[in-house]
Amino acid sequence: MSAHKSIKPKLAIFLPDLNGGGAERVMLTLAKVFMEKNIQVDLLLARAQGSLLNLVPQGIHLHSLTTGLSRSGRTGLALSALWGLIRYLRREQPTTLMSTLTGANLIAIFAKIFARSPARLVLREANTALNHRSFLTQLAVQVLYPLADAVIAVSQGVEKDLINIIGLTPDKITFVPNPVDMATLTRLAEEKINHPWFDKDQPPVIISLGRLTEQKDFATLICAFACLRRNRPARLMILGEGKGRSNLEALVHRFDLVDDVALPGFKVNPYPYLKKASLFVLSSRWEGMPSVILEALGFGLPIVATDCHSGPREILEEGRFGCLVPVGDIQALSTAILQTLDHPPEASTLQAQAKVFSPDSIALRYLTAMRLSKIEQ
């Protein structure tokens, strides 16, 4: 028994924190599967905080790398954890270190260098906005990312950006999409919610999820909804929080939509809302591989999405499983929402597409990239 334990691989996953976000949910989903495959998982947080802390699966070793005050922002928080991460690598000597989110990825590279750690370093890159970043951040990515042992790109669009913009060689990159754990999400969706919009005989509810930021472009969605309301009754609910809230609320008031548009904030468990909604909309200007589209598919929810770079076109197979519209096109978005509400696809067809992204199949591809796939069960 002791010999078996001694060869059990140790995977360390590094994140700034567990405040709500797609990357954090993906890591928790994968961590659970990794444990089931006889891998010890250490979850390293710059600070053990965030709305998703209570979703950490049992059996994961949780480490908080900082104490006291830390720098503001997620990159600053990750930077504060640098010395804690170095100490962890020297003391625990994990087989593999995986990180996600750009700031955390850069810190992970520095930590491995300073710790002189032999751990295999795998970065997960989830955003195509590589050319939207500051000059210094992009320069750091171009210089440091090649020092990683492997980079996982969550979409083919991200993979192309890593090659064409960052200059990584194709042999260093592995394309692996995000997983969707519908067994867990279906259970979470059973939570009772009391909202009058979901009562019987109410107008259809259009739903969207995400941080209230420029990237998500909820302003275009609200404008498109205002156009839609001229033709039929409907309601719009946007779940999320962010610095763009005041501007979005002003837009809602300008269109006199206060009774038809709700911004209830971030929900740790948004799945009862997804389950009860009539249609999901993604209005982003850019993405990587938006997990929320996978989740909407899993609930059989009709989808309208911008044909942004990248992710939606790949998930929806060029419009086969949802309607794609140009980024920022208010009229096209409004028309697509109207047509999809009037002629929704079969829920079973959408749910079948979601099964392609099961946690087990996606986790195996991660393990292959991390060279942990040949594990004794």
Protein backbone atom coordinates (compact mmCIF):
# COMPACT_ATOMS: atom_id res chain seq x y z
CA MET A 1 0.00 0.00 0.00
CA SER A 2 2.78 2.42 0.92
CA ALA A 3 4.53 1.77 -2.39
CA HIS A 4 1.34 2.56 -4.27
CA LYS A 5 0.98 5.85 -2.39
CA SER A 6 4.58 6.82 -3.09
CA ILE A 7 4.03 6.82 -6.85
CA LYS A 8 0.70 8.62 -6.74
CA PRO A 9 1.13 11.74 -8.92
CA LYS A 10 0.57 15.13 -7.34
CA LEU A 11 -1.07 17.83 -9.46
CA ALA A 12 -1.01 21.43 -8.21
CA ILE A 13 -3.58 23.83 -9.70
CA PHE A 14 -2.83 27.54 -9.19
CA LEU A 15 -5.54 30.25 -9.28
CA PRO A 16 -5.75 33.79 -7.85
CA ASP A 17 -8.96 32.93 -5.94
CA LEU A 18 -12.38 31.35 -6.39
CA ASN A 19 -14.46 34.38 -7.18
CA GLY A 20 -17.11 33.45 -9.71
CA GLY A 21 -15.89 32.82 -13.23
CA GLY A 22 -15.81 30.23 -15.97
CA ALA A 23 -12.14 29.35 -15.49
CA GLU A 24 -12.61 28.66 -11.80
CA ARG A 25 -15.64 26.43 -12.39
CA VAL A 26 -13.76 24.50 -15.09
CA MET A 27 -10.82 23.86 -12.75
CA LEU A 28 -13.11 22.59 -9.99
CA THR A 29 -14.92 20.29 -12.43
CA LEU A 30 -11.66 18.85 -13.73
CA ALA A 31 -10.11 18.55 -10.26
CA LYS A 32 -12.91 16.23 -9.20
CA VAL A 33 -12.28 13.92 -12.17
CA PHE A 34 -8.51 13.99 -11.64
CA MET A 35 -8.98 12.77 -8.05
CA GLU A 36 -11.16 9.93 -9.30
CA LYS A 37 -8.24 8.88 -11.51
CA ASN A 38 -5.88 8.37 -8.56
CA ILE A 39 -4.17 11.77 -8.72
CA GLN A 40 -3.58 13.88 -5.62
CA VAL A 41 -4.87 17.38 -6.34
CA ASP A 42 -3.60 20.43 -4.47
CA LEU A 43 -5.58 23.61 -5.13
CA LEU A 44 -3.29 26.61 -4.66
CA LEU A 45 -5.07 29.94 -4.22
CA ALA A 46 -3.29 33.25 -3.91
CA ARG A 47 -5.93 33.81 -1.26
CA ALA A 48 -8.60 31.35 -0.14
CA GLN A 49 -11.56 33.56 -0.91
CA GLY A 50 -14.44 33.70 -3.34
CA SER A 51 -18.03 32.69 -3.85
CA LEU A 52 -17.08 29.25 -5.21
CA LEU A 53 -15.09 28.10 -2.16
CA ASN A 54 -17.94 25.92 -0.96
CA LEU A 55 -17.87 24.06 -4.30
CA VAL A 56 -14.34 22.70 -3.79
CA PRO A 57 -14.71 18.90 -3.99
CA GLN A 58 -13.94 16.86 -0.89
CA GLY A 59 -10.50 15.32 -0.97
CA ILE A 60 -8.75 18.29 -2.56
CA HIS A 61 -5.92 19.81 -0.52
CA LEU A 62 -6.58 23.56 -0.36
CA HIS A 63 -3.61 25.92 0.15
CA SER A 64 -3.81 29.68 0.68
CA LEU A 65 -0.49 31.17 -0.45
CA THR A 66 -0.83 34.66 1.04
CA THR A 67 -1.80 36.11 4.38
CA GLY A 68 -2.60 39.69 5.28
CA LEU A 69 -3.07 42.43 2.69
CA SER A 70 -2.33 41.78 -0.96
CA ARG A 71 -2.23 43.83 -4.13
CA SER A 72 -5.48 44.85 -5.77
CA GLY A 73 -6.79 43.10 -8.87
CA ARG A 74 -6.49 39.47 -9.83
CA THR A 75 -3.02 39.82 -11.35
CA GLY A 76 -1.89 41.71 -8.24
CA LEU A 77 -3.34 38.99 -6.05
CA ALA A 78 -1.47 36.35 -8.04
CA LEU A 79 1.75 38.40 -7.75
CA SER A 80 1.35 38.51 -3.97
CA ALA A 81 1.40 34.70 -3.97
CA LEU A 82 4.74 34.41 -5.79
CA TRP A 83 6.88 33.61 -2.74
CA GLY A 84 4.24 31.32 -1.30
CA LEU A 85 4.15 29.42 -4.58
CA ILE A 86 7.94 29.15 -4.64
CA ARG A 87 7.93 27.74 -1.10
CA TYR A 88 5.17 25.28 -2.02
CA LEU A 89 7.08 23.99 -5.06
CA ARG A 90 10.26 23.47 -3.02
CA ARG A 91 8.46 21.79 -0.12
CA GLU A 92 5.78 19.69 -1.84
CA GLN A 93 7.52 18.90 -5.14
CA PRO A 94 4.40 18.28 -7.25
CA THR A 95 4.60 16.19 -10.40
CA THR A 96 2.79 18.87 -12.40
CA LEU A 97 1.85 22.52 -11.88
CA MET A 98 -1.11 23.82 -13.88
CA SER A 99 -2.32 27.41 -13.86
CA THR A 100 -4.98 29.40 -15.65
CA LEU A 101 -5.70 33.13 -16.19
CA THR A 102 -2.88 35.16 -17.69
CA GLY A 103 -1.60 36.82 -14.50
CA ALA A 104 -1.47 33.52 -12.67
CA ASN A 105 0.23 31.87 -15.65
CA LEU A 106 3.04 34.43 -15.61
CA ILE A 107 3.53 34.07 -11.85
CA ALA A 108 3.61 30.27 -12.20
CA ILE A 109 6.44 30.55 -14.72
CA PHE A 110 8.48 32.80 -12.41
CA ALA A 111 7.80 30.51 -9.45
CA LYS A 112 9.03 27.42 -11.26
CA ILE A 113 12.21 29.21 -12.33
CA PHE A 114 13.01 30.60 -8.87
CA ALA A 115 12.12 27.34 -7.12
CA ARG A 116 14.19 25.34 -9.63
CA SER A 117 11.27 22.94 -9.67
CA PRO A 118 11.30 19.88 -11.96
CA ALA A 119 7.48 19.94 -12.09
CA ARG A 120 5.96 19.90 -15.55
CA LEU A 121 4.39 23.35 -16.03
CA VAL A 122 1.15 23.45 -18.02
CA LEU A 123 -0.62 26.74 -18.72
CA ARG A 124 -4.30 26.97 -19.65
CA GLU A 125 -5.06 29.91 -21.94
CA ALA A 126 -8.75 30.70 -22.20
CA ASN A 127 -8.94 34.06 -23.95
CA THR A 128 -8.37 35.16 -27.53
CA ALA A 129 -7.98 38.80 -26.51
CA LEU A 130 -4.22 38.44 -26.55
CA ASN A 131 -3.89 41.56 -28.68
CA HIS A 132 -6.26 43.53 -26.40
CA ARG A 133 -3.82 43.44 -23.49
CA SER A 134 -1.36 46.11 -22.44
CA PHE A 135 2.00 46.25 -24.19
CA LEU A 136 3.86 45.05 -21.09
CA THR A 137 1.48 42.14 -20.49
CA GLN A 138 1.70 40.99 -24.09
CA LEU A 139 5.48 41.31 -24.05
CA ALA A 140 5.63 39.24 -20.85
CA VAL A 141 3.42 36.58 -22.43
CA GLN A 142 5.57 36.46 -25.58
CA VAL A 143 8.78 36.12 -23.55
CA LEU A 144 7.59 33.79 -20.77
CA TYR A 145 4.94 31.47 -22.25
CA PRO A 146 7.56 29.59 -24.33
CA LEU A 147 9.22 28.60 -21.04
CA ALA A 148 6.20 26.46 -20.10
CA ASP A 149 6.29 22.77 -20.88
CA ALA A 150 2.86 22.86 -22.51
CA VAL A 151 0.00 25.27 -23.13
CA ILE A 152 -3.63 24.16 -23.30
CA ALA A 153 -5.75 26.28 -25.64
CA VAL A 154 -9.47 26.06 -24.92
CA SER A 155 -10.48 26.71 -28.53
CA GLN A 156 -8.98 26.55 -31.99
CA GLY A 157 -9.18 30.35 -32.11
CA VAL A 158 -7.05 30.62 -28.96
CA GLU A 159 -4.63 28.10 -30.45
CA LYS A 160 -4.21 30.21 -33.59
CA ASP A 161 -3.65 33.36 -31.51
CA LEU A 162 -0.98 31.64 -29.44
CA ILE A 163 0.84 30.73 -32.65
CA ASN A 164 0.29 33.90 -34.71
CA ILE A 165 0.37 36.59 -32.00
CA ILE A 166 2.45 35.08 -29.20
CA GLY A 167 4.75 33.04 -31.41
CA LEU A 168 4.43 29.66 -29.71
CA THR A 169 5.31 26.62 -31.77
CA PRO A 170 2.37 24.30 -32.58
CA ASP A 171 4.04 21.33 -30.88
CA LYS A 172 3.83 23.13 -27.50
CA ILE A 173 0.05 23.71 -27.75
CA THR A 174 -2.77 21.25 -27.14
CA PHE A 175 -6.35 22.18 -28.00
CA VAL A 176 -8.75 20.99 -25.29
CA PRO A 177 -12.24 22.52 -24.95
CA ASN A 178 -13.97 23.15 -21.65
CA PRO A 179 -16.00 20.41 -19.96
CA VAL A 180 -19.62 20.62 -18.90
CA ASP A 181 -20.71 18.47 -15.95
CA MET A 182 -24.43 18.15 -16.61
CA ALA A 183 -24.96 15.61 -13.82
CA THR A 184 -23.88 18.20 -11.26
CA LEU A 185 -25.57 21.13 -13.01
CA THR A 186 -28.87 19.26 -13.25
CA ARG A 187 -28.75 18.66 -9.51
CA LEU A 188 -27.94 22.31 -8.81
CA ALA A 189 -30.78 23.40 -11.10
CA GLU A 190 -33.29 21.77 -8.74
CA GLU A 191 -32.77 24.57 -6.22
CA LYS A 192 -36.00 26.51 -5.77
CA ILE A 193 -36.10 30.11 -6.95
CA ASN A 194 -38.98 32.46 -6.33
CA HIS A 195 -39.13 34.95 -9.15
CA PRO A 196 -42.44 36.10 -10.64
CA TRP A 197 -41.03 36.11 -14.16
CA PHE A 198 -40.93 32.31 -14.13
CA ASP A 199 -44.54 31.88 -13.08
CA LYS A 200 -46.97 30.21 -15.45
CA ASP A 201 -48.29 32.25 -18.42
CA GLN A 202 -45.54 34.87 -18.15
CA PRO A 203 -43.68 36.24 -21.22
CA PRO A 204 -40.53 34.35 -22.26
CA VAL A 205 -37.37 35.15 -20.32
CA ILE A 206 -34.17 35.75 -22.27
CA ILE A 207 -31.12 35.13 -20.11
CA SER A 208 -27.44 35.97 -20.27
CA LEU A 209 -24.57 35.44 -17.83
CA GLY A 210 -21.19 37.06 -17.36
CA ARG A 211 -19.20 39.85 -15.79
CA LEU A 212 -20.61 43.29 -16.55
CA THR A 213 -17.63 44.36 -18.63
CA GLU A 214 -16.86 45.74 -22.07
CA GLN A 215 -15.96 42.26 -23.31
CA LYS A 216 -19.47 40.88 -22.71
CA ASP A 217 -21.11 43.85 -24.52
CA PHE A 218 -24.40 43.67 -22.64
CA ALA A 219 -25.14 47.20 -23.91
CA THR A 220 -25.71 45.78 -27.39
CA LEU A 221 -27.92 43.06 -25.90
CA ILE A 222 -30.07 45.62 -24.07
CA CYS A 223 -30.41 47.71 -27.24
CA ALA A 224 -31.37 44.59 -29.21
CA PHE A 225 -33.91 43.70 -26.55
CA ALA A 226 -35.40 47.20 -26.80
CA CYS A 227 -35.95 46.57 -30.52
CA LEU A 228 -37.46 43.16 -29.78
CA ARG A 229 -39.96 44.63 -27.32
CA ARG A 230 -41.53 46.65 -30.12
CA ASN A 231 -42.64 43.38 -31.71
CA ARG A 232 -43.48 41.06 -28.83
CA PRO A 233 -43.59 40.79 -25.02
CA ALA A 234 -40.46 39.34 -23.43
CA ARG A 235 -38.11 39.87 -20.50
CA LEU A 236 -34.34 40.02 -20.21
CA MET A 237 -32.31 38.84 -17.21
CA ILE A 238 -28.54 39.36 -17.03
CA LEU A 239 -26.80 37.50 -14.19
CA GLY A 240 -23.43 38.92 -13.23
CA GLU A 241 -21.61 41.78 -11.57
CA GLY A 242 -18.97 44.24 -12.69
CA LYS A 243 -17.84 47.80 -13.20
CA GLY A 244 -20.22 48.32 -16.12
CA ARG A 245 -23.37 48.05 -13.99
CA SER A 246 -24.14 51.78 -13.75
CA ASN A 247 -23.90 52.27 -17.52
CA LEU A 248 -26.17 49.29 -18.18
CA GLU A 249 -28.73 50.49 -15.63
CA ALA A 250 -28.72 53.92 -17.28
CA LEU A 251 -29.38 52.26 -20.64
CA VAL A 252 -32.30 50.31 -19.20
CA HIS A 253 -33.84 53.53 -17.88
CA ARG A 254 -33.24 55.33 -21.17
CA PHE A 255 -35.27 52.70 -23.03
CA ASP A 256 -37.92 52.65 -20.28
CA LEU A 257 -37.35 48.93 -19.70
CA VAL A 258 -37.13 48.86 -15.91
CA ASP A 259 -40.07 46.44 -15.72
CA ASP A 260 -38.66 44.10 -18.36
CA VAL A 261 -34.89 44.00 -17.73
CA ALA A 262 -33.38 42.62 -14.51
CA LEU A 263 -29.76 42.81 -13.35
CA PRO A 264 -29.92 40.74 -10.14
CA GLY A 265 -26.14 40.43 -9.77
CA PHE A 266 -23.83 37.44 -9.54
CA LYS A 267 -25.39 34.10 -8.61
CA VAL A 268 -23.24 31.30 -7.21
CA ASN A 269 -25.85 28.92 -8.60
CA PRO A 270 -27.29 30.35 -11.84
CA TYR A 271 -28.56 27.00 -13.07
CA PRO A 272 -32.17 27.18 -11.83
CA TYR A 273 -32.45 30.36 -13.90
CA LEU A 274 -30.91 28.73 -16.97
CA LYS A 275 -33.25 25.78 -16.64
CA LYS A 276 -36.35 27.98 -16.49
CA ALA A 277 -35.39 30.52 -19.18
CA SER A 278 -36.69 30.42 -22.74
CA LEU A 279 -33.52 31.45 -24.58
CA PHE A 280 -29.85 32.15 -23.88
CA VAL A 281 -27.91 34.99 -25.50
CA LEU A 282 -24.16 35.56 -25.61
CA SER A 283 -23.35 39.06 -26.88
CA SER A 284 -19.58 39.09 -26.33
CA ARG A 285 -17.05 40.97 -28.42
CA TRP A 286 -14.49 38.22 -27.88
CA GLU A 287 -14.27 34.94 -26.00
CA GLY A 288 -12.11 31.87 -25.64
CA MET A 289 -14.41 28.90 -25.10
CA PRO A 290 -17.48 30.21 -23.22
CA SER A 291 -18.57 27.46 -20.83
CA VAL A 292 -21.95 29.09 -20.40
CA ILE A 293 -22.88 28.16 -23.98
CA LEU A 294 -22.06 24.53 -23.18
CA GLU A 295 -24.21 24.76 -20.05
CA ALA A 296 -27.12 26.27 -21.98
CA LEU A 297 -26.87 23.45 -24.52
CA GLY A 298 -26.95 20.93 -21.70
CA PHE A 299 -30.27 22.33 -20.49
CA GLY A 300 -31.64 22.23 -24.03
CA LEU A 301 -31.87 26.02 -24.10
CA PRO A 302 -32.06 27.70 -27.54
CA ILE A 303 -29.01 29.90 -28.15
CA VAL A 304 -28.23 33.11 -29.99
CA ALA A 305 -24.57 34.14 -29.92
CA THR A 306 -22.29 36.65 -31.53
CA ASP A 307 -19.87 35.13 -34.01
CA CYS A 308 -16.99 36.49 -31.97
CA HIS A 309 -13.41 35.33 -31.99
CA SER A 310 -13.58 32.57 -30.78
CA GLY A 311 -15.56 29.73 -29.26
CA PRO A 312 -19.23 30.19 -30.20
CA ARG A 313 -18.75 29.11 -33.83
CA GLU A 314 -16.82 26.03 -32.71
CA ILE A 315 -19.31 24.98 -30.03
CA LEU A 316 -22.37 25.64 -32.18
CA GLU A 317 -20.74 24.05 -35.25
CA GLU A 318 -21.10 27.10 -37.50
CA GLY A 319 -24.72 27.70 -36.54
CA ARG A 320 -25.99 24.13 -36.55
CA PHE A 321 -26.83 24.23 -32.83
CA GLY A 322 -27.58 27.93 -32.42
CA CYS A 323 -27.89 31.20 -34.28
CA LEU A 324 -24.71 33.23 -34.91
CA VAL A 325 -24.82 36.99 -35.54
CA PRO A 326 -22.15 39.65 -36.21
CA VAL A 327 -20.52 41.26 -33.18
CA GLY A 328 -22.15 44.53 -32.15
CA ASP A 329 -25.00 44.29 -34.70
CA ILE A 330 -28.08 45.37 -32.74
CA GLN A 331 -30.63 44.68 -35.47
CA ALA A 332 -29.20 41.27 -36.37
CA LEU A 333 -29.18 40.25 -32.71
CA SER A 334 -32.76 41.41 -32.20
CA THR A 335 -33.97 39.59 -35.33
CA ALA A 336 -32.18 36.37 -34.36
CA ILE A 337 -33.70 36.44 -30.87
CA LEU A 338 -37.18 36.96 -32.30
CA GLN A 339 -36.82 34.16 -34.84
CA THR A 340 -35.38 31.74 -32.28
CA LEU A 341 -38.17 32.47 -29.80
CA ASP A 342 -40.73 31.81 -32.53
CA HIS A 343 -38.99 28.70 -33.92
CA PRO A 344 -36.86 27.06 -31.20
CA PRO A 345 -34.80 23.94 -32.03
CA GLU A 346 -35.45 20.58 -30.40
CA ALA A 347 -34.05 20.51 -26.87
CA SER A 348 -32.84 16.91 -27.30
CA THR A 349 -30.67 17.92 -30.26
CA LEU A 350 -28.95 20.61 -28.21
CA GLN A 351 -28.46 18.31 -25.22
CA ALA A 352 -26.81 15.69 -27.43
CA GLN A 353 -24.22 18.26 -28.53
CA ALA A 354 -23.39 19.07 -24.89
CA LYS A 355 -22.52 15.42 -24.24
CA VAL A 356 -19.48 15.80 -26.50
CA PHE A 357 -17.94 17.92 -23.72
CA SER A 358 -18.33 15.44 -20.83
CA PRO A 359 -15.86 15.91 -17.93
CA ASP A 360 -14.39 12.41 -18.30
CA SER A 361 -13.46 12.83 -21.96
CA ILE A 362 -12.10 16.36 -21.47
CA ALA A 363 -10.14 15.40 -18.34
CA LEU A 364 -8.43 12.58 -20.24
CA ARG A 365 -7.21 15.08 -22.83
CA TYR A 366 -5.86 17.31 -20.04
CA LEU A 367 -4.06 14.36 -18.47
CA THR A 368 -2.49 13.52 -21.82
CA ALA A 369 -1.20 17.09 -22.17
CA MET A 370 0.15 16.91 -18.61
CA ARG A 371 1.64 13.45 -19.29
CA LEU A 372 -0.39 11.98 -16.46
CA SER A 373 -2.66 9.78 -18.56
CA LYS A 374 -0.89 6.47 -17.85
CA ILE A 375 -1.95 6.15 -14.23
CA GLU A 376 -2.63 2.89 -12.42
CA GLN A 377 -6.28 2.92 -11.42
